[in-house]
Amino acid sequence: MTKISTGKDEGYVTISVPPRVKRALQRAKGNREWGEYLMELYRENLKLRKRKAYEELRSLLTPEDIGGIEASSKEFRGSFRIGGHGGDSR
C-alpha cells in the first residue's frame, strides 16, 4: 500500500490503488515525496479544468457579452464598500 503524507503534524493515510496504477505513478513521481507529487497533480488538474471552463465560456459569449460583463464588474467594484458605506443607498 502507498502512504501519503497529509502534513507534518497529521501523520499518514493509506490510499489503496491497483498495482498497475501505483507502478505508473511511482515511475512518474521519481524521487519526490508522495504528498508533494500528488499535490502537484491536483494543482495541475485544477488549473487545466479552470482553463477549459474559461475557454468554453469564452466560446459561448460574444465580444459584446464580454464587454457588458467587464463594465458591470467595474461598476460593482467601484460602488462596493465594506461595511455598507459607498455606492447608492438602494
Protein backbone atom coordinates (compact mmCIF):
# COMPACT_ATOMS: atom_id res chain seq x y z
CA MET A 1 0.00 0.00 0.00
CA THR A 2 1.07 3.58 -0.59
CA LYS A 3 1.31 6.02 2.30
CA ILE A 4 0.57 9.64 1.56
CA SER A 5 1.79 12.43 3.84
CA THR A 6 -1.01 14.84 4.71
CA GLY A 7 1.23 17.27 6.57
CA LYS A 8 3.94 17.32 9.20
CA ASP A 9 1.63 17.02 12.20
CA GLU A 10 -1.15 14.98 10.63
CA GLY A 11 0.61 11.65 10.17
CA TYR A 12 -0.21 9.48 7.19
CA VAL A 13 -3.20 7.91 5.49
CA THR A 14 -3.29 4.95 3.15
CA ILE A 15 -4.80 5.04 -0.31
CA SER A 16 -5.43 1.68 -1.98
CA VAL A 17 -4.86 1.61 -5.73
CA PRO A 18 -4.40 -1.21 -8.22
CA PRO A 19 -0.75 -2.27 -8.62
CA ARG A 20 -0.57 -1.07 -12.24
CA VAL A 21 -1.69 2.42 -11.15
CA LYS A 22 0.89 2.52 -8.37
CA ARG A 23 3.66 1.45 -10.75
CA ALA A 24 2.73 4.16 -13.26
CA LEU A 25 2.55 6.84 -10.56
CA GLN A 26 5.78 5.64 -8.95
CA ARG A 27 7.64 5.98 -12.26
CA ALA A 28 6.20 9.45 -12.86
CA LYS A 29 6.91 10.76 -9.34
CA GLY A 30 10.57 9.78 -9.38
CA ASN A 31 12.35 10.83 -6.18
CA ARG A 32 9.64 13.20 -4.96
CA GLU A 33 7.61 12.50 -1.85
CA TRP A 34 4.13 11.11 -2.49
CA GLY A 35 2.37 14.07 -0.90
CA GLU A 36 4.35 16.59 -2.95
CA TYR A 37 3.78 14.65 -6.17
CA LEU A 38 0.04 14.14 -5.66
CA MET A 39 -0.49 17.80 -4.73
CA GLU A 40 1.32 18.78 -7.93
CA LEU A 41 -1.00 16.52 -9.94
CA TYR A 42 -4.01 18.00 -8.15
CA ARG A 43 -2.92 21.61 -8.80
CA GLU A 44 -2.19 20.90 -12.47
CA ASN A 45 -5.57 19.22 -12.90
CA LEU A 46 -7.39 22.09 -11.21
CA LYS A 47 -5.57 24.63 -13.37
CA LEU A 48 -6.45 22.74 -16.56
CA ARG A 49 -10.10 22.38 -15.55
CA LYS A 50 -10.35 26.11 -14.86
CA ARG A 51 -8.70 26.94 -18.19
CA LYS A 52 -11.07 24.58 -20.03
CA ALA A 53 -14.15 26.11 -18.33
CA TYR A 54 -12.89 29.60 -19.17
CA GLU A 55 -12.33 28.69 -22.82
CA GLU A 56 -15.78 27.06 -23.05
CA LEU A 57 -17.39 30.15 -21.58
CA ARG A 58 -15.49 32.44 -23.95
CA SER A 59 -16.69 30.38 -26.91
CA LEU A 60 -20.31 30.91 -25.82
CA LEU A 61 -20.08 34.68 -25.32
CA THR A 62 -19.95 37.39 -27.94
CA PRO A 63 -17.49 40.28 -27.65
CA GLU A 64 -20.48 42.44 -26.66
CA ASP A 65 -21.37 40.00 -23.84
CA ILE A 66 -17.80 40.11 -22.55
CA GLY A 67 -17.75 43.92 -22.73
CA GLY A 68 -21.00 44.08 -20.76
CA ILE A 69 -19.65 41.72 -18.10
CA GLU A 70 -16.47 43.78 -17.78
CA ALA A 71 -18.43 47.04 -17.46
CA SER A 72 -20.77 45.51 -14.88
CA SER A 73 -17.82 44.18 -12.88
CA LYS A 74 -16.07 47.55 -12.88
CA GLU A 75 -19.27 49.29 -11.80
CA PHE A 76 -19.81 46.82 -8.97
CA ARG A 77 -16.23 47.11 -7.71
CA GLY A 78 -16.40 50.89 -7.91
CA SER A 79 -19.55 51.07 -5.80
CA PHE A 80 -18.81 48.26 -3.35
CA ARG A 81 -17.60 49.25 0.09
CA ILE A 82 -17.16 47.01 3.11
CA GLY A 83 -19.46 47.97 5.96
CA GLY A 84 -22.20 49.27 3.69
CA HIS A 85 -20.62 52.68 3.03
CA GLY A 86 -20.44 53.87 -0.51
CA GLY A 87 -22.39 53.23 -3.68
CA ASP A 88 -26.04 54.07 -3.90
CA SER A 89 -28.39 53.54 -0.96
CA ARG A 90 -30.81 51.01 -2.53
